[in-house]
Amino acid sequence: MSAAPQIYGADEISAIVLDPGSYTTKVGYAGHDSPLIVSPSYYGEQKGDVDMDGNGSSEKKLIFDENSLYAPKENFEIKPILKNNMIEDWDGAVEQWKFFFGRLDVNPADQPLLITESTLNSYSNKAKAMEVVLEDLQFCAFSLVNQPTCVSFAHGRPNCLVVDIGHDLVTCTPVVDGICLKNQVMGVRYAGAYLNQELTQVLRSRGIDHIDPLYKIKAKNPSYWSKEEFKPDWESRKFDYSISKSFDDFHNLRVLQEMKESLLQCTSEIVTGPDTESLTSSSARNFELPNGLNVPFSQKERCLLGNSIFSPEKPYTGQEEGIVEGWEEITDNGNIVNVLGGSKGEKTSKEYVPLRRSKKGEDEENEDGDKTDASKKLANKPNGLTEIVNQCLLNLDIDLKPQLANNIILSGSTSLIPGLGERLNQELTDLNPGLKIRIHSVGNPVERKYASWVGGSILASLGTFHQLWVSKKEYEEVGAERLVVSRFR
């Protein structure tokens, strides 16, 4: 007597989980508690000599290994793959993924691939991802999952409000029964990159016009910054070729990341103290630049820098004008879907939007679905973290609001700033005295930074997830466009 057909669960499938982010990309096996590869979402392009036929073409060598990315080379440029958490350079992305899968010794014919995606991702990007995975990379099956959904599964809370504070964006996404309410997504661009630029301008106000990257340092001795006079004591390494600006910026980005991690903090109290507070006081903290120069930051400065994510209209740059370069024209009011969602007005979601039941006297929607008075509250000024989270709560159905307010989840590397969760909790409680506000934030920095990947790992390892895979055969029969609308909208 023959045995009954066996349905394989996720444990036998050994799926691959890929979580691309604006700053780092995470890759690993489903069922693991952390990714095996965490690498910058950048790649290096080194141009070779001109061909002998004289047609002006030249060979290009693409570099993805992290150690090689930080090593100086001739004719070497660093290029980003993602912007605003969405893939822009697909050629670079595909080659980078091939490099990762080669390191993991992945067999695409037997292992499906799950990719996490931003809620702002356009339909064309979804279709492109499906085409790349099933045609170019030859995987047997594929699935796309929204990053907030993954975060909710990582925390075991299918109904929650996911506040992701990343490198390029801050987004606030309601998740109900594991499904993202994409038309309720709020977000701004006052995130990690914004804080990086603030730190750069603070250094410039101290007379440090640029950061000398580590690769240029041959030898150094400790030196200390002072208002009167300072001179870094270091010896430069000589190169026989010129170094590109993109390579210098890539090195500086790593230094600025370290500065944020070691210096910034948030406080719910009003930052007091004179502007001339001593930088040599016991509360001051030094940061050593790669050339050995120790730059002091007072506690007031560190709080002002961290608090600017809550009040971007009052940034701290060390100068009176307080204008952050690159963000002069940006006054994000929270409607990030309208600003960044898709290209040429392409919508990111075609889901059905039910009528919103609201209390008498609350703001109502007009025929186009736009908020009337609610948008005016956020329209003409840059809005910080508390404003967009609070507005996201106000836009919710009154039946969902209490449950989601009690399940607010923080994720993303920038959310690790000390005191950020406490200030957000206090300000939301003050704005909503009738709601029980509760912030959930994992204490482990690794789990906080990789929450989206961890959630994808949990999902892909579930025995019931097999029905959500799109097989290569189904892709060939139905087509990418129809599958995106029916399965991944």
Protein backbone atom coordinates (compact mmCIF):
# COMPACT_ATOMS: atom_id res chain seq x y z
CA MET A 1 0.00 0.00 0.00
CA SER A 2 1.49 3.34 -1.05
CA ALA A 3 1.98 6.14 1.44
CA ALA A 4 -0.18 9.26 1.31
CA PRO A 5 1.29 12.30 -0.46
CA GLN A 6 3.45 14.28 1.91
CA ILE A 7 3.12 18.07 2.25
CA TYR A 8 6.41 19.59 3.17
CA GLY A 9 6.43 22.27 5.81
CA ALA A 10 8.74 25.26 6.07
CA ASP A 11 11.26 23.33 8.16
CA GLU A 12 12.05 21.12 5.17
CA ILE A 13 12.02 23.98 2.67
CA SER A 14 14.91 26.04 4.15
CA ALA A 15 13.81 29.36 2.66
CA ILE A 16 16.08 32.39 2.26
CA VAL A 17 15.03 35.73 3.79
CA LEU A 18 16.29 38.99 2.25
CA ASP A 19 15.63 42.32 3.98
CA PRO A 20 16.93 45.29 1.93
CA GLY A 21 17.20 48.59 3.81
CA SER A 22 18.46 52.06 2.94
CA TYR A 23 21.65 51.59 4.98
CA THR A 24 22.15 47.82 5.34
CA THR A 25 20.84 44.67 3.67
CA LYS A 26 20.26 41.55 5.75
CA VAL A 27 20.29 37.98 4.42
CA GLY A 28 19.91 34.61 6.14
CA TYR A 29 17.98 31.37 6.47
CA ALA A 30 14.38 31.22 7.67
CA GLY A 31 14.13 29.87 11.19
CA HIS A 32 17.34 31.52 12.38
CA ASP A 33 17.16 34.22 15.05
CA SER A 34 19.52 36.62 13.26
CA PRO A 35 20.76 37.18 9.70
CA LEU A 36 23.98 35.53 8.56
CA ILE A 37 24.99 38.49 6.38
CA VAL A 38 24.60 42.17 7.25
CA SER A 39 26.20 44.35 4.59
CA PRO A 40 25.93 47.99 3.46
CA SER A 41 23.31 48.64 0.78
CA TYR A 42 26.06 50.01 -1.44
CA TYR A 43 28.42 48.58 -4.02
CA GLY A 44 31.72 49.63 -5.51
CA GLU A 45 32.31 50.17 -9.21
CA GLN A 46 35.90 50.16 -10.44
CA LYS A 47 36.52 51.13 -14.03
CA GLY A 48 39.34 49.42 -15.90
CA ASP A 49 41.48 50.55 -18.81
CA VAL A 50 39.97 51.60 -22.14
CA ASP A 51 39.63 48.76 -24.65
CA MET A 52 42.30 48.41 -27.32
CA ASP A 53 39.81 48.92 -30.15
CA GLY A 54 39.51 52.54 -29.08
CA ASN A 55 35.72 52.62 -28.95
CA GLY A 56 35.80 54.33 -25.56
CA SER A 57 34.30 51.43 -23.65
CA SER A 58 35.90 50.22 -20.46
CA GLU A 59 35.51 47.21 -18.23
CA LYS A 60 33.71 47.69 -14.93
CA LYS A 61 34.38 45.58 -11.87
CA LEU A 62 31.63 45.50 -9.27
CA ILE A 63 32.66 44.99 -5.63
CA PHE A 64 30.27 43.90 -2.86
CA ASP A 65 32.48 42.52 -0.09
CA GLU A 66 32.29 44.91 2.87
CA ASN A 67 36.03 44.85 3.62
CA SER A 68 36.84 45.54 -0.03
CA LEU A 69 34.32 48.39 -0.13
CA TYR A 70 36.32 50.31 2.48
CA ALA A 71 39.70 49.73 0.76
CA PRO A 72 40.85 52.62 -1.50
CA LYS A 73 41.28 51.85 -5.19
CA GLU A 74 41.92 53.74 -8.39
CA ASN A 75 38.89 54.81 -10.44
CA PHE A 76 36.64 53.55 -7.66
CA GLU A 77 33.12 54.86 -7.02
CA ILE A 78 30.64 53.90 -4.30
CA LYS A 79 26.99 53.77 -5.38
CA PRO A 80 23.82 53.32 -3.31
CA ILE A 81 21.30 50.64 -4.23
CA LEU A 82 18.26 51.94 -2.32
CA LYS A 83 16.80 55.36 -1.67
CA ASN A 84 13.95 56.01 0.76
CA ASN A 85 13.89 52.25 1.46
CA MET A 86 13.06 51.39 -2.16
CA ILE A 87 15.37 49.80 -4.72
CA GLU A 88 16.50 52.26 -7.39
CA ASP A 89 19.55 50.52 -8.89
CA TRP A 90 18.22 47.12 -9.92
CA ASP A 91 21.39 46.09 -11.77
CA GLY A 92 23.45 46.67 -8.65
CA ALA A 93 20.84 44.97 -6.46
CA VAL A 94 20.78 41.79 -8.56
CA GLU A 95 24.58 41.49 -8.60
CA GLN A 96 24.76 42.12 -4.85
CA TRP A 97 22.15 39.45 -4.17
CA LYS A 98 24.06 36.98 -6.35
CA PHE A 99 27.15 37.69 -4.26
CA PHE A 100 25.25 37.08 -1.01
CA PHE A 101 23.65 33.87 -2.24
CA GLY A 102 27.04 32.63 -3.40
CA ARG A 103 28.46 33.17 0.08
CA LEU A 104 25.55 31.22 1.60
CA ASP A 105 25.87 28.47 -1.04
CA VAL A 106 22.19 28.85 -1.91
CA ASN A 107 20.58 26.45 -4.37
CA PRO A 108 17.79 28.50 -6.04
CA ALA A 109 16.19 25.41 -7.57
CA ASP A 110 15.33 24.00 -4.14
CA GLN A 111 15.06 27.07 -1.89
CA PRO A 112 12.39 29.80 -2.14
CA LEU A 113 13.18 33.46 -1.46
CA LEU A 114 11.21 35.84 0.76
CA ILE A 115 11.91 39.56 0.31
CA THR A 116 10.65 42.23 2.69
CA GLU A 117 9.43 45.47 1.14
CA SER A 118 8.50 48.99 2.16
CA THR A 119 4.82 49.89 2.34
CA LEU A 120 5.67 52.69 -0.12
CA ASN A 121 6.89 50.24 -2.75
CA SER A 122 5.35 50.80 -6.18
CA TYR A 123 3.63 48.17 -8.30
CA SER A 124 6.35 48.39 -10.92
CA ASN A 125 8.99 47.68 -8.28
CA LYS A 126 7.04 44.66 -7.02
CA ALA A 127 6.75 43.26 -10.54
CA LYS A 128 10.44 43.91 -11.15
CA ALA A 129 11.37 42.04 -7.97
CA MET A 130 9.29 39.05 -9.06
CA GLU A 131 10.85 39.08 -12.52
CA VAL A 132 14.39 39.32 -11.14
CA VAL A 133 13.96 36.53 -8.58
CA LEU A 134 12.15 34.02 -10.79
CA GLU A 135 13.83 34.73 -14.14
CA ASP A 136 17.30 36.16 -13.51
CA LEU A 137 18.10 34.39 -10.23
CA GLN A 138 16.11 31.25 -11.14
CA PHE A 139 14.52 30.71 -7.71
CA CYS A 140 11.81 28.05 -7.50
CA ALA A 141 9.39 30.26 -5.52
CA PHE A 142 9.09 33.81 -4.27
CA SER A 143 7.12 35.96 -1.84
CA LEU A 144 6.94 39.64 -0.87
CA VAL A 145 6.00 40.72 2.65
CA ASN A 146 5.61 44.24 4.00
CA GLN A 147 8.27 45.16 6.55
CA PRO A 148 5.77 46.37 9.22
CA THR A 149 4.01 43.00 8.95
CA CYS A 150 7.34 41.28 9.60
CA VAL A 151 7.98 43.53 12.61
CA SER A 152 4.56 42.68 14.04
CA PHE A 153 5.30 38.95 13.75
CA ALA A 154 8.73 39.41 15.31
CA HIS A 155 7.01 40.88 18.39
CA GLY A 156 4.07 38.45 18.34
CA ARG A 157 1.55 41.29 18.03
CA PRO A 158 -0.66 40.99 14.92
CA ASN A 159 -2.49 44.22 15.85
CA CYS A 160 -0.04 47.05 16.41
CA LEU A 161 1.30 50.40 15.26
CA VAL A 162 4.80 49.95 13.82
CA VAL A 163 7.03 53.02 14.08
CA ASP A 164 10.14 52.39 12.00
CA ILE A 165 12.94 54.94 12.44
CA GLY A 166 15.50 54.11 9.81
CA HIS A 167 18.22 55.80 7.80
CA ASP A 168 16.17 57.67 5.18
CA LEU A 169 12.63 57.60 6.55
CA VAL A 170 10.48 57.53 9.65
CA THR A 171 7.25 55.65 8.93
CA CYS A 172 4.23 54.87 11.10
CA THR A 173 2.12 51.95 9.86
CA PRO A 174 -1.06 50.49 11.42
CA VAL A 175 -1.08 46.69 11.24
CA VAL A 176 -4.38 44.84 11.79
CA ASP A 177 -4.40 41.03 11.83
CA GLY A 178 -0.96 41.12 10.23
CA ILE A 179 -2.13 43.28 7.31
CA CYS A 180 -0.76 46.79 6.78
CA LEU A 181 -3.31 49.57 6.34
CA LYS A 182 -1.29 51.22 3.61
CA ASN A 183 -3.62 54.16 3.10
CA GLN A 184 -3.10 55.14 6.74
CA VAL A 185 0.72 55.15 6.57
CA MET A 186 2.34 58.35 7.85
CA GLY A 187 5.98 59.27 7.51
CA VAL A 188 8.65 61.94 7.25
CA ARG A 189 12.26 62.16 6.05
CA TYR A 190 13.65 63.43 9.35
CA ALA A 191 15.47 60.20 10.16
CA GLY A 192 19.05 58.95 10.50
CA ALA A 193 20.45 60.76 7.45
CA TYR A 194 18.96 64.01 8.78
CA LEU A 195 20.84 63.56 12.06
CA ASN A 196 24.03 62.77 10.11
CA GLN A 197 23.81 66.11 8.33
CA GLU A 198 23.20 67.92 11.62
CA LEU A 199 26.35 66.36 13.10
CA THR A 200 28.31 67.34 9.98
CA GLN A 201 27.26 70.97 10.37
CA VAL A 202 28.03 70.96 14.11
CA LEU A 203 31.57 69.82 13.30
CA ARG A 204 31.80 72.52 10.65
CA SER A 205 30.78 75.15 13.21
CA ARG A 206 33.76 73.97 15.30
CA GLY A 207 36.16 74.59 12.42
CA ILE A 208 36.25 70.95 11.27
CA ASP A 209 35.28 71.37 7.63
CA HIS A 210 35.68 67.70 6.75
CA ILE A 211 36.34 64.36 8.40
CA ASP A 212 39.67 62.78 7.47
CA PRO A 213 38.77 59.14 6.66
CA LEU A 214 40.58 56.27 8.34
CA TYR A 215 42.19 55.03 5.13
CA LYS A 216 44.17 58.30 4.86
CA ILE A 217 45.70 57.95 8.33
CA LYS A 218 49.23 56.53 8.38
CA ALA A 219 50.02 57.52 11.99
CA LYS A 220 48.34 59.67 14.63
CA ASN A 221 48.67 60.99 18.17
CA PRO A 222 45.76 62.01 20.41
CA SER A 223 44.85 65.70 20.18
CA TYR A 224 42.05 67.76 21.69
CA TRP A 225 39.76 70.40 20.26
CA SER A 226 39.59 73.84 21.89
CA LYS A 227 37.92 77.12 20.97
CA GLU A 228 41.21 78.99 20.90
CA GLU A 229 43.37 76.71 18.77
CA PHE A 230 43.58 73.07 17.80
CA LYS A 231 45.66 71.09 15.34
CA PRO A 232 45.21 67.37 14.72
CA ASP A 233 48.50 65.49 15.04
CA TRP A 234 48.52 62.91 12.28
CA GLU A 235 50.46 61.78 9.23
CA SER A 236 48.72 61.29 5.92
CA ARG A 237 49.10 58.21 3.77
CA LYS A 238 50.08 59.01 0.18
CA PHE A 239 48.37 57.55 -2.87
CA ASP A 240 49.50 57.54 -6.49
CA TYR A 241 45.93 58.01 -7.68
CA SER A 242 43.00 60.24 -6.86
CA ILE A 243 40.22 59.17 -4.51
CA SER A 244 36.60 59.75 -5.52
CA LYS A 245 34.27 61.93 -3.45
CA SER A 246 31.75 59.09 -3.18
CA PHE A 247 34.39 56.91 -1.51
CA ASP A 248 35.21 59.66 1.01
CA ASP A 249 31.50 60.18 1.72
CA PHE A 250 31.07 56.43 2.28
CA HIS A 251 33.84 56.44 4.90
CA ASN A 252 32.42 59.56 6.54
CA LEU A 253 29.01 57.89 6.76
CA ARG A 254 30.46 55.16 8.97
CA VAL A 255 32.06 57.78 11.27
CA LEU A 256 28.78 59.69 11.54
CA GLN A 257 26.95 56.45 12.38
CA GLU A 258 29.39 55.85 15.24
CA MET A 259 28.90 59.43 16.45
CA LYS A 260 25.14 58.98 16.58
CA GLU A 261 25.44 55.73 18.48
CA SER A 262 27.84 57.09 21.10
CA LEU A 263 26.66 60.69 21.55
CA LEU A 264 22.99 61.32 20.88
CA GLN A 265 20.26 61.10 23.48
CA CYS A 266 16.67 62.30 23.84
CA THR A 267 15.01 63.90 26.83
CA SER A 268 11.41 64.82 27.57
CA GLU A 269 12.55 67.74 29.71
CA ILE A 270 13.28 71.18 28.32
CA VAL A 271 17.01 71.42 27.65
CA THR A 272 18.30 74.27 29.79
CA GLY A 273 21.67 75.80 30.39
CA PRO A 274 23.63 78.62 28.75
CA ASP A 275 24.80 78.29 25.17
CA THR A 276 28.33 78.77 26.45
CA GLU A 277 28.15 75.70 28.69
CA SER A 278 31.64 74.43 29.33
CA LEU A 279 32.70 71.65 26.97
CA THR A 280 35.19 70.52 29.59
CA SER A 281 32.57 69.81 32.27
CA SER A 282 32.04 66.33 33.64
CA SER A 283 28.85 65.92 31.59
CA ALA A 284 30.70 66.51 28.31
CA ARG A 285 31.57 63.49 26.20
CA ASN A 286 34.46 63.29 23.75
CA PHE A 287 34.35 61.63 20.36
CA GLU A 288 37.64 60.73 18.71
CA LEU A 289 37.74 61.30 14.97
CA PRO A 290 39.83 58.94 12.79
CA ASN A 291 42.74 61.44 12.79
CA GLY A 292 42.99 61.33 16.60
CA LEU A 293 41.22 64.66 17.28
CA ASN A 294 38.94 64.44 20.33
CA VAL A 295 35.86 66.66 19.92
CA PRO A 296 33.80 67.38 23.07
CA PHE A 297 29.99 67.46 23.09
CA SER A 298 28.16 68.84 26.12
CA GLN A 299 25.10 67.09 27.47
CA LYS A 300 22.94 69.95 26.24
CA GLU A 301 24.28 69.57 22.69
CA ARG A 302 23.74 65.82 22.71
CA CYS A 303 20.14 66.29 23.85
CA LEU A 304 19.46 69.04 21.29
CA LEU A 305 20.77 66.82 18.50
CA GLY A 306 18.69 63.84 19.60
CA ASN A 307 15.57 65.92 20.22
CA SER A 308 15.64 67.34 16.69
CA ILE A 309 13.99 64.15 15.46
CA PHE A 310 10.95 65.28 17.49
CA SER A 311 11.21 68.96 16.52
CA PRO A 312 12.79 69.26 13.04
CA GLU A 313 11.61 72.86 12.86
CA LYS A 314 14.25 73.63 15.50
CA PRO A 315 17.38 71.75 14.38
CA TYR A 316 20.70 72.11 16.17
CA THR A 317 23.60 72.85 13.83
CA GLY A 318 25.88 74.85 16.13
CA GLN A 319 24.95 78.04 14.26
CA GLU A 320 22.26 80.65 14.74
CA GLU A 321 20.38 80.12 11.46
CA GLY A 322 19.69 76.44 12.23
CA ILE A 323 19.18 75.31 8.63
CA VAL A 324 20.01 71.71 7.78
CA GLU A 325 21.55 71.53 4.31
CA GLY A 326 19.63 69.28 1.96
CA TRP A 327 16.43 69.63 3.98
CA GLU A 328 15.78 73.35 3.32
CA GLU A 329 12.87 72.69 0.97
CA ILE A 330 11.50 69.67 2.83
CA THR A 331 8.49 70.30 5.04
CA ASP A 332 7.12 66.78 5.32
CA ASN A 333 3.65 66.89 6.85
CA GLY A 334 3.37 63.15 7.30
CA ASN A 335 1.70 62.27 3.99
CA ILE A 336 4.73 60.34 2.82
CA VAL A 337 2.70 58.11 0.49
CA ASN A 338 1.72 61.12 -1.63
CA VAL A 339 5.29 62.47 -1.63
CA LEU A 340 7.30 59.31 -2.33
CA GLY A 341 4.79 56.62 -3.26
CA GLY A 342 5.54 55.38 -6.74
CA SER A 343 6.76 57.29 -9.76
CA LYS A 344 4.74 59.71 -11.88
CA GLY A 345 1.82 59.51 -9.52
CA GLU A 346 1.73 55.71 -9.51
CA LYS A 347 -0.20 54.47 -6.51
CA THR A 348 1.38 52.02 -4.14
CA SER A 349 -1.84 50.34 -3.08
CA LYS A 350 -5.22 49.64 -4.65
CA GLU A 351 -6.78 48.11 -1.60
CA TYR A 352 -10.38 48.77 -0.65
CA VAL A 353 -10.70 51.50 1.96
CA PRO A 354 -13.74 51.10 4.24
CA LEU A 355 -15.69 54.06 5.53
CA ARG A 356 -14.15 55.45 8.67
CA ARG A 357 -16.49 55.66 11.62
CA SER A 358 -15.60 58.64 13.77
CA LYS A 359 -16.89 60.43 16.78
CA LYS A 360 -19.14 63.40 16.31
CA GLY A 361 -17.07 66.50 15.70
CA GLU A 362 -14.00 64.66 14.40
CA ASP A 363 -12.47 65.53 11.07
CA GLU A 364 -14.18 63.96 8.08
CA GLU A 365 -12.84 63.01 4.70
CA ASN A 366 -13.84 64.71 1.51
CA GLU A 367 -14.86 62.87 -1.65
CA ASP A 368 -11.24 62.37 -2.76
CA GLY A 369 -10.35 60.73 0.53
CA ASP A 370 -8.19 63.64 1.72
CA LYS A 371 -8.40 64.87 5.27
CA THR A 372 -9.76 68.39 5.54
CA ASP A 373 -8.93 69.79 8.96
CA ALA A 374 -6.57 66.99 9.98
CA SER A 375 -4.19 67.74 7.12
CA LYS A 376 -4.19 71.42 7.95
CA LYS A 377 -2.86 70.64 11.40
CA LEU A 378 0.28 69.15 9.84
CA ALA A 379 0.45 71.03 6.56
CA ASN A 380 2.65 74.10 6.84
CA LYS A 381 5.49 73.00 9.07
CA PRO A 382 7.91 70.11 9.31
CA ASN A 383 6.54 67.49 11.65
CA GLY A 384 8.51 65.35 14.03
CA LEU A 385 8.10 61.86 15.39
CA THR A 386 5.34 62.55 17.92
CA GLU A 387 3.19 64.49 15.46
CA ILE A 388 3.09 61.76 12.81
CA VAL A 389 2.46 58.95 15.32
CA ASN A 390 -0.33 60.97 16.94
CA GLN A 391 -1.88 61.83 13.58
CA CYS A 392 -1.73 58.17 12.58
CA LEU A 393 -3.70 57.32 15.74
CA LEU A 394 -6.25 60.07 15.04
CA ASN A 395 -6.86 58.70 11.53
CA LEU A 396 -7.76 55.24 12.84
CA ASP A 397 -11.24 53.86 13.35
CA ILE A 398 -12.34 54.41 16.94
CA ASP A 399 -12.60 50.64 17.47
CA LEU A 400 -8.98 50.09 16.44
CA LYS A 401 -7.47 53.09 18.17
CA PRO A 402 -7.31 51.77 21.79
CA GLN A 403 -5.77 48.45 20.80
CA LEU A 404 -3.13 49.94 18.51
CA ALA A 405 -2.30 52.73 20.97
CA ASN A 406 -1.54 50.00 23.51
CA ASN A 407 0.72 48.19 21.03
CA ILE A 408 3.13 50.74 19.55
CA ILE A 409 6.32 49.01 18.36
CA LEU A 410 9.62 50.81 17.78
CA SER A 411 12.04 49.41 15.19
CA GLY A 412 14.99 50.61 13.15
CA SER A 413 18.55 51.56 14.11
CA THR A 414 17.78 55.21 14.86
CA SER A 415 15.16 54.14 17.42
CA LEU A 416 18.08 53.01 19.64
CA ILE A 417 18.81 56.62 20.70
CA PRO A 418 18.62 56.57 24.53
CA GLY A 419 15.47 58.23 25.87
CA LEU A 420 13.62 58.24 22.53
CA GLY A 421 10.97 55.72 23.58
CA GLU A 422 10.39 57.40 26.94
CA ARG A 423 9.86 60.82 25.35
CA LEU A 424 7.53 59.44 22.68
CA ASN A 425 5.47 57.65 25.33
CA GLN A 426 5.17 60.77 27.50
CA GLU A 427 4.21 63.10 24.66
CA LEU A 428 1.62 60.70 23.22
CA THR A 429 0.12 60.23 26.69
CA ASP A 430 -0.14 64.01 27.13
CA LEU A 431 -1.84 64.36 23.73
CA ASN A 432 -4.23 61.44 24.31
CA PRO A 433 -5.25 61.38 27.98
CA GLY A 434 -8.14 59.04 27.23
CA LEU A 435 -5.93 56.36 25.66
CA LYS A 436 -3.59 53.91 27.32
CA ILE A 437 -0.34 54.43 25.44
CA ARG A 438 2.23 51.66 25.60
CA ILE A 439 5.53 51.57 23.71
CA HIS A 440 7.08 48.16 23.00
CA SER A 441 10.79 48.27 22.21
CA VAL A 442 13.13 45.30 22.40
CA GLY A 443 16.10 45.97 24.65
CA ASN A 444 18.48 43.91 22.51
CA PRO A 445 19.96 46.28 19.88
CA VAL A 446 20.42 43.47 17.36
CA GLU A 447 16.76 42.43 17.56
CA ARG A 448 15.63 46.06 17.29
CA LYS A 449 17.76 46.75 14.21
CA TYR A 450 16.89 43.49 12.49
CA ALA A 451 13.24 43.19 13.59
CA SER A 452 12.01 43.17 9.99
CA TRP A 453 14.36 40.33 9.03
CA VAL A 454 13.51 38.35 12.18
CA GLY A 455 9.79 38.65 11.39
CA GLY A 456 10.41 37.46 7.84
CA SER A 457 12.39 34.53 9.24
CA ILE A 458 9.46 33.58 11.48
CA LEU A 459 6.92 33.89 8.66
CA ALA A 460 8.90 31.85 6.14
CA SER A 461 9.46 29.10 8.71
CA LEU A 462 5.73 28.64 9.43
CA GLY A 463 4.24 25.45 8.07
CA THR A 464 1.17 27.34 6.81
CA PHE A 465 3.21 29.86 4.81
CA HIS A 466 3.71 27.45 1.89
CA GLN A 467 0.40 28.55 0.35
CA LEU A 468 1.71 32.12 -0.02
CA TRP A 469 4.68 31.24 -2.20
CA VAL A 470 4.47 32.18 -5.88
CA SER A 471 6.03 29.36 -7.89
CA LYS A 472 7.88 29.84 -11.12
CA LYS A 473 5.20 27.85 -12.94
CA GLU A 474 2.44 30.11 -11.61
CA TYR A 475 4.48 33.17 -12.60
CA GLU A 476 4.85 31.89 -16.17
CA GLU A 477 1.14 31.09 -16.44
CA VAL A 478 -0.37 34.20 -14.82
CA GLY A 479 2.25 36.93 -15.29
CA ALA A 480 3.87 39.41 -12.93
CA GLU A 481 1.32 42.23 -13.23
CA ARG A 482 -1.71 40.10 -12.34
CA LEU A 483 0.14 38.35 -9.53
CA VAL A 484 1.21 41.64 -7.98
CA VAL A 485 -2.38 42.94 -7.94
CA SER A 486 -3.90 39.70 -6.66
CA ARG A 487 -1.21 38.56 -4.21
CA PHE A 488 1.04 41.46 -3.18
CA ARG A 489 -1.04 44.62 -3.26
